[in-house]
Amino acid sequence: MSVRIAIIGAGIMGADHARIVAEDLPGATLQVVCDAAPERARKIADECGAADIASDPVETIRRGDVDAILIASPDETHAPLSLAAIEAGKPALCEKPLSQSAKECLVVIEAEVSRGRQFVQLGFMRRFDPSYRDMKAGLDDGALGHAIMMHNFHRNVEAPANFTGQMAITNSAPHELDVARFVLGADYTAISVFQPAGINASRTGAPVFMVLETDKGQLVNIEINNNAAYGYDVRGELVGEKGSIFLNAPVYIRQNGQLMAYERYATDWRPRFAEAYRLQNKAFLNFVRTGVFPAIASDAWDGYCASLAAEAGVEALRKGGRVTIAKMDKPSLYH
């Protein structure tokens, strides 16, 4: 029997998820597209063949003709809608962040623990990206020896209006905060945050540079530059005792002309991580069918860890110093 999926939010990510469900997930049916703007929901529903549209997300989650939920609504709705899905007993794939508040993440964790099972798969899709997965495999097979450092940078063409350095930490950096934990199999114990001299931290798109310490003695650095101008660019290097591994982004063509050979950058993240989204959503469909949480997917606990690190990063930026990160004990549900 087909799994009937409701998508909450018909913006950029909701539309992309709708297309994946409709075109790339055999055995899934796009049942409902829910959005506060009915005309936007109708447009995506018509394009992707959804059975119905709606405007109330909680009522949509509770519908009897919906088996699973895909949450792609604004960030502040993620935790409340995840809680509604848990209450309804329905699996949910929730876009990151689970919440920008670590305390609110704990409320979701407590709800899952009280039910004795996991419901929420979190949309840190980089765990499914082939380049990051190969990087982790290269560490796990022992060829690198002990991991020492992981370098990351994340650059966008242009920051949205009023996008501050603090927002770079809480909105952009969580992808790196999560995937570095995933690759290293480690947790963060402290964070320091820097900005280039002369940069006003409140100006739009101010870059930030983070250095995190792990409980395995490794260093992780993350550069976030949302006004890089030249294109969307994510890179990384894992450094071990015996060598290193660079990420390679998929590049399908190289152009020649005007005495140059060149490759074009994408304008945003979607082309770079298209395959990661597809594999993530495929894993979610299998989770809905079997009840077995995907082995490499992010869960509510991972969302809590990312939010806790981001909160500490904002404090480190404000104080101009090193901030320790102390988390609660992990519930046995997430082991």
Protein backbone atom coordinates (compact mmCIF):
# COMPACT_ATOMS: atom_id res chain seq x y z
CA MET A 1 0.00 0.00 0.00
CA SER A 2 1.27 3.47 -0.90
CA VAL A 3 2.47 5.76 1.90
CA ARG A 4 0.40 8.96 1.87
CA ILE A 5 2.56 11.99 2.65
CA ALA A 6 1.49 15.51 3.60
CA ILE A 7 3.92 18.35 3.00
CA ILE A 8 3.66 21.31 5.36
CA GLY A 9 4.99 24.44 3.67
CA ALA A 10 4.99 25.17 -0.06
CA GLY A 11 8.01 27.45 -0.26
CA ILE A 12 11.33 26.61 -1.95
CA MET A 13 12.06 23.51 0.13
CA GLY A 14 8.45 22.35 0.29
CA ALA A 15 8.20 22.53 -3.49
CA ASP A 16 11.43 20.57 -3.91
CA HIS A 17 10.27 17.89 -1.47
CA ALA A 18 6.93 17.68 -3.27
CA ARG A 19 8.71 16.98 -6.56
CA ILE A 20 10.88 14.30 -4.94
CA VAL A 21 7.83 12.57 -3.45
CA ALA A 22 5.93 12.77 -6.74
CA GLU A 23 8.77 11.80 -9.09
CA ASP A 24 11.44 9.87 -7.18
CA LEU A 25 9.74 7.84 -4.45
CA PRO A 26 7.91 4.81 -5.82
CA GLY A 27 5.44 3.67 -3.20
CA ALA A 28 4.74 7.20 -1.92
CA THR A 29 1.74 9.38 -2.71
CA LEU A 30 1.71 13.14 -2.35
CA GLN A 31 -1.59 13.35 -0.49
CA VAL A 32 -1.75 16.95 0.76
CA VAL A 33 0.16 20.19 0.25
CA CYS A 34 -0.49 22.51 3.19
CA ASP A 35 0.46 26.18 3.22
CA ALA A 36 -0.87 29.37 4.81
CA ALA A 37 -1.27 30.74 1.27
CA PRO A 38 -3.79 28.48 -0.54
CA GLU A 39 -2.75 29.72 -3.97
CA ARG A 40 0.83 28.65 -3.32
CA ALA A 41 -0.31 25.24 -2.10
CA ARG A 42 -2.54 24.87 -5.16
CA LYS A 43 0.31 25.67 -7.54
CA ILE A 44 2.56 22.97 -6.09
CA ALA A 45 -0.32 20.49 -5.78
CA ASP A 46 -1.19 20.94 -9.44
CA GLU A 47 2.42 20.65 -10.57
CA CYS A 48 3.04 17.50 -8.52
CA GLY A 49 -0.35 15.79 -8.65
CA ALA A 50 -1.29 16.10 -4.99
CA ALA A 51 -4.72 14.84 -4.04
CA ASP A 52 -5.63 17.85 -1.89
CA ILE A 53 -4.51 21.16 -0.40
CA ALA A 54 -4.96 22.58 3.09
CA SER A 55 -4.06 25.63 5.17
CA ASP A 56 -4.12 24.33 8.77
CA PRO A 57 -0.96 22.30 9.50
CA VAL A 58 -2.15 20.64 12.72
CA GLU A 59 -5.43 19.53 11.16
CA THR A 60 -3.45 18.24 8.18
CA ILE A 61 -1.21 16.17 10.46
CA ARG A 62 -4.27 14.64 12.13
CA ARG A 63 -6.04 13.68 8.90
CA GLY A 64 -6.97 10.03 8.54
CA ASP A 65 -5.77 9.92 4.93
CA VAL A 66 -2.22 11.01 5.88
CA ASP A 67 0.39 8.46 7.00
CA ALA A 68 3.49 10.64 7.33
CA ILE A 69 4.46 14.30 7.48
CA LEU A 70 7.18 16.31 5.76
CA ILE A 71 7.72 19.63 7.57
CA ALA A 72 9.16 22.39 5.38
CA SER A 73 7.48 25.39 7.02
CA PRO A 74 9.31 28.33 8.69
CA ASP A 75 11.91 27.46 11.33
CA GLU A 76 9.87 28.56 14.34
CA THR A 77 7.12 26.05 13.46
CA HIS A 78 9.39 22.98 13.29
CA ALA A 79 9.29 21.93 16.94
CA PRO A 80 5.55 22.55 17.46
CA LEU A 81 4.65 20.64 14.30
CA SER A 82 7.04 17.81 15.21
CA LEU A 83 5.24 17.59 18.55
CA ALA A 84 1.90 17.47 16.75
CA ALA A 85 3.18 14.60 14.60
CA ILE A 86 4.37 12.70 17.68
CA GLU A 87 0.99 13.25 19.34
CA ALA A 88 -0.72 11.90 16.21
CA GLY A 89 1.65 8.91 16.16
CA LYS A 90 2.94 9.72 12.68
CA PRO A 91 6.57 9.80 11.45
CA ALA A 92 7.83 13.21 10.36
CA LEU A 93 10.77 14.36 8.26
CA CYS A 94 11.47 17.85 9.56
CA GLU A 95 13.71 20.37 7.83
CA LYS A 96 16.51 21.74 10.00
CA PRO A 97 16.68 23.21 12.56
CA LEU A 98 14.45 21.25 14.89
CA SER A 99 14.56 24.49 16.87
CA GLN A 100 17.04 27.28 17.41
CA SER A 101 16.39 26.73 21.12
CA ALA A 102 18.07 23.72 22.69
CA LYS A 103 15.40 23.74 25.43
CA GLU A 104 12.65 23.43 22.82
CA CYS A 105 14.53 20.52 21.23
CA LEU A 106 14.46 18.81 24.63
CA VAL A 107 10.66 19.09 24.68
CA VAL A 108 10.54 17.11 21.43
CA ILE A 109 13.00 14.57 22.85
CA GLU A 110 10.89 14.18 25.99
CA ALA A 111 7.79 13.59 23.84
CA GLU A 112 9.53 10.80 21.92
CA VAL A 113 10.95 9.24 25.06
CA SER A 114 7.50 9.23 26.66
CA ARG A 115 6.15 7.34 23.61
CA GLY A 116 9.09 4.92 23.67
CA ARG A 117 9.99 5.33 19.99
CA GLN A 118 11.39 7.80 17.48
CA PHE A 119 9.10 9.72 15.16
CA VAL A 120 11.21 12.66 13.93
CA GLN A 121 13.89 12.35 11.27
CA LEU A 122 15.71 15.67 10.96
CA GLY A 123 16.64 17.13 7.59
CA PHE A 124 20.43 17.33 7.96
CA MET A 125 20.69 15.88 4.46
CA ARG A 126 24.48 16.14 4.18
CA ARG A 127 24.76 12.82 6.03
CA PHE A 128 23.32 11.25 2.86
CA ASP A 129 25.58 13.16 0.46
CA PRO A 130 27.95 10.67 -1.26
CA SER A 131 31.02 12.86 -0.70
CA TYR A 132 30.50 13.17 3.06
CA ARG A 133 29.59 9.50 3.35
CA ASP A 134 32.79 8.51 1.53
CA MET A 135 34.76 10.84 3.78
CA LYS A 136 33.35 9.11 6.86
CA ALA A 137 34.00 5.68 5.35
CA GLY A 138 37.61 6.71 4.69
CA LEU A 139 38.03 7.50 8.37
CA ASP A 140 36.15 4.46 9.66
CA ASP A 141 38.23 2.00 7.63
CA GLY A 142 41.36 3.11 9.51
CA ALA A 143 43.37 4.30 6.51
CA LEU A 144 43.68 7.85 7.91
CA GLY A 145 44.58 6.78 11.41
CA HIS A 146 43.19 9.01 14.16
CA ALA A 147 41.32 12.10 12.92
CA ILE A 148 43.03 15.32 14.01
CA MET A 149 41.13 18.17 12.35
CA MET A 150 38.21 18.87 10.06
CA HIS A 151 38.10 22.04 7.95
CA ASN A 152 34.80 23.30 6.57
CA PHE A 153 33.63 26.32 4.64
CA HIS A 154 30.18 27.30 3.54
CA ARG A 155 29.73 30.23 1.15
CA ASN A 156 26.62 31.75 -0.41
CA VAL A 157 26.29 34.31 -3.17
CA GLU A 158 24.42 36.96 -1.21
CA ALA A 159 22.88 37.10 2.24
CA PRO A 160 19.20 37.93 2.68
CA ALA A 161 18.37 41.34 4.11
CA ASN A 162 19.27 41.70 7.80
CA PHE A 163 21.15 38.37 7.88
CA THR A 164 23.62 38.88 10.72
CA GLY A 165 26.68 37.04 11.99
CA GLN A 166 24.54 35.54 14.74
CA MET A 167 22.13 34.20 12.11
CA ALA A 168 25.05 32.69 10.20
CA ILE A 169 25.74 30.61 13.31
CA THR A 170 22.13 29.61 14.03
CA ASN A 171 20.84 29.22 10.45
CA SER A 172 23.75 28.33 8.14
CA ALA A 173 26.33 26.67 10.37
CA PRO A 174 24.10 23.90 11.81
CA HIS A 175 24.66 21.84 8.64
CA GLU A 176 28.40 21.82 9.34
CA LEU A 177 27.87 21.42 13.08
CA ASP A 178 25.89 18.25 12.43
CA VAL A 179 27.88 16.69 9.63
CA ALA A 180 31.22 17.15 11.41
CA ARG A 181 29.80 15.30 14.44
CA PHE A 182 28.59 12.59 12.04
CA VAL A 183 31.92 12.19 10.23
CA LEU A 184 34.06 12.29 13.38
CA GLY A 185 31.73 10.33 15.64
CA ALA A 186 32.43 12.94 18.31
CA ASP A 187 30.69 15.59 20.39
CA TYR A 188 31.66 19.21 20.95
CA THR A 189 33.03 20.43 24.26
CA ALA A 190 33.82 24.10 23.48
CA ILE A 191 33.53 26.73 20.76
CA SER A 192 35.29 29.99 19.90
CA VAL A 193 33.97 32.39 17.25
CA PHE A 194 35.85 35.11 15.37
CA GLN A 195 35.10 37.76 12.79
CA PRO A 196 37.54 39.66 10.55
CA ALA A 197 38.84 42.90 12.04
CA GLY A 198 36.70 45.91 11.26
CA ILE A 199 33.56 43.84 10.59
CA ASN A 200 30.38 45.03 12.26
CA ALA A 201 28.74 41.87 13.59
CA SER A 202 25.28 43.33 13.01
CA ARG A 203 25.74 44.14 9.32
CA THR A 204 24.09 41.97 6.70
CA GLY A 205 26.03 38.82 5.88
CA ALA A 206 28.97 39.45 8.20
CA PRO A 207 31.27 36.39 7.92
CA VAL A 208 32.12 34.26 10.93
CA PHE A 209 34.88 31.75 11.67
CA MET A 210 34.29 29.10 14.32
CA VAL A 211 36.71 26.74 16.05
CA LEU A 212 35.19 23.81 17.94
CA GLU A 213 36.86 21.30 20.25
CA THR A 214 35.61 17.72 20.47
CA ASP A 215 35.57 15.14 23.22
CA LYS A 216 38.11 13.14 21.18
CA GLY A 217 40.62 16.00 21.16
CA GLN A 218 39.98 17.07 17.56
CA LEU A 219 39.60 20.60 16.21
CA VAL A 220 36.83 21.55 13.78
CA ASN A 221 36.82 24.90 12.03
CA ILE A 222 33.86 26.32 10.13
CA GLU A 223 33.87 29.42 7.94
CA ILE A 224 30.45 30.87 7.08
CA ASN A 225 30.47 33.61 4.44
CA ASN A 226 27.01 34.42 3.16
CA ASN A 227 28.23 37.22 0.89
CA ALA A 228 30.92 35.40 -1.08
CA ALA A 229 29.51 36.87 -4.33
CA TYR A 230 30.93 34.28 -6.76
CA GLY A 231 28.55 31.35 -6.12
CA TYR A 232 27.39 28.65 -3.72
CA ASP A 233 30.46 26.78 -2.50
CA VAL A 234 30.79 24.11 0.20
CA ARG A 235 34.13 22.41 0.79
CA GLY A 236 35.78 20.34 3.48
CA GLU A 237 38.91 18.43 4.43
CA LEU A 238 39.33 15.73 7.03
CA VAL A 239 42.91 15.55 8.33
CA GLY A 240 44.19 12.38 9.97
CA GLU A 241 47.51 11.14 11.29
CA LYS A 242 48.28 9.35 8.00
CA GLY A 243 46.70 11.57 5.37
CA SER A 244 43.65 13.64 4.51
CA ILE A 245 40.41 13.48 2.53
CA PHE A 246 38.98 16.38 0.50
CA LEU A 247 35.33 16.67 -0.44
CA ASN A 248 34.67 16.75 -4.17
CA ALA A 249 31.47 18.42 -5.29
CA PRO A 250 29.80 16.79 -8.32
CA VAL A 251 30.79 18.73 -11.45
CA TYR A 252 29.35 17.49 -14.72
CA ILE A 253 30.98 19.80 -17.25
CA ARG A 254 33.96 22.09 -17.74
CA GLN A 255 33.68 24.85 -20.31
CA ASN A 256 36.39 26.19 -22.60
CA GLY A 257 36.37 29.63 -24.15
CA GLN A 258 38.13 32.99 -24.32
CA LEU A 259 41.46 31.38 -23.44
CA MET A 260 39.99 29.89 -20.27
CA ALA A 261 38.80 26.56 -18.92
CA TYR A 262 36.20 27.01 -16.20
CA GLU A 263 33.44 25.43 -14.13
CA ARG A 264 30.33 27.30 -13.04
CA TYR A 265 29.13 27.57 -9.46
CA ALA A 266 25.48 27.08 -8.61
CA THR A 267 23.49 30.01 -7.26
CA ASP A 268 22.24 28.08 -4.22
CA TRP A 269 22.51 24.77 -2.36
CA ARG A 270 19.96 22.71 -4.26
CA PRO A 271 22.03 21.47 -7.23
CA ARG A 272 24.95 20.59 -4.94
CA PHE A 273 22.82 18.48 -2.59
CA ALA A 274 20.07 17.23 -4.92
CA GLU A 275 21.16 13.61 -4.56
CA ALA A 276 21.45 13.96 -0.78
CA TYR A 277 17.84 15.15 -0.56
CA ARG A 278 16.65 12.29 -2.74
CA LEU A 279 18.50 9.67 -0.66
CA GLN A 280 17.33 11.27 2.59
CA ASN A 281 13.68 11.18 1.50
CA LYS A 282 14.05 7.59 0.30
CA ALA A 283 15.37 6.65 3.74
CA PHE A 284 12.43 8.44 5.36
CA LEU A 285 9.96 6.48 3.24
CA ASN A 286 11.61 3.24 4.37
CA PHE A 287 11.41 4.45 7.99
CA VAL A 288 7.66 5.03 7.59
CA ARG A 289 7.17 1.58 6.10
CA THR A 290 9.30 -0.41 8.53
CA GLY A 291 9.38 1.66 11.72
CA VAL A 292 13.18 1.26 11.76
CA PHE A 293 14.95 4.62 12.08
CA PRO A 294 17.59 5.13 9.33
CA ALA A 295 21.05 4.27 10.62
CA ILE A 296 22.77 7.45 9.40
CA ALA A 297 19.91 9.95 9.63
CA SER A 298 19.81 12.81 12.12
CA ASP A 299 17.28 12.50 14.91
CA ALA A 300 15.87 14.81 17.57
CA TRP A 301 18.97 14.28 19.73
CA ASP A 302 21.21 15.41 16.87
CA GLY A 303 18.97 18.46 16.46
CA TYR A 304 19.47 19.25 20.13
CA CYS A 305 23.26 18.91 19.84
CA ALA A 306 23.40 21.22 16.82
CA SER A 307 21.21 23.84 18.51
CA LEU A 308 23.23 23.65 21.72
CA ALA A 309 26.48 24.24 19.79
CA ALA A 310 24.90 27.12 17.84
CA GLU A 311 23.65 28.75 21.05
CA ALA A 312 27.15 28.50 22.51
CA GLY A 313 28.53 29.97 19.28
CA VAL A 314 26.27 33.01 19.54
CA GLU A 315 27.44 33.50 23.13
CA ALA A 316 31.09 33.14 22.08
CA LEU A 317 30.60 35.75 19.35
CA ARG A 318 28.98 38.14 21.82
CA LYS A 319 31.61 37.62 24.54
CA GLY A 320 34.57 37.39 22.21
CA GLY A 321 35.89 34.30 23.97
CA ARG A 322 35.76 30.54 24.33
CA VAL A 323 32.50 29.00 25.58
CA THR A 324 32.19 25.47 26.90
CA ILE A 325 29.38 23.21 25.70
CA ALA A 326 27.73 20.96 28.28
CA LYS A 327 24.85 18.77 27.19
CA MET A 328 22.46 16.57 29.14
CA ASP A 329 22.95 12.79 29.17
CA LYS A 330 21.68 11.12 26.01
CA PRO A 331 18.46 9.15 26.59
CA SER A 332 18.79 5.44 25.85
CA LEU A 333 16.22 5.81 23.03
CA TYR A 334 18.91 7.47 20.90
CA HIS A 335 21.77 5.04 21.51
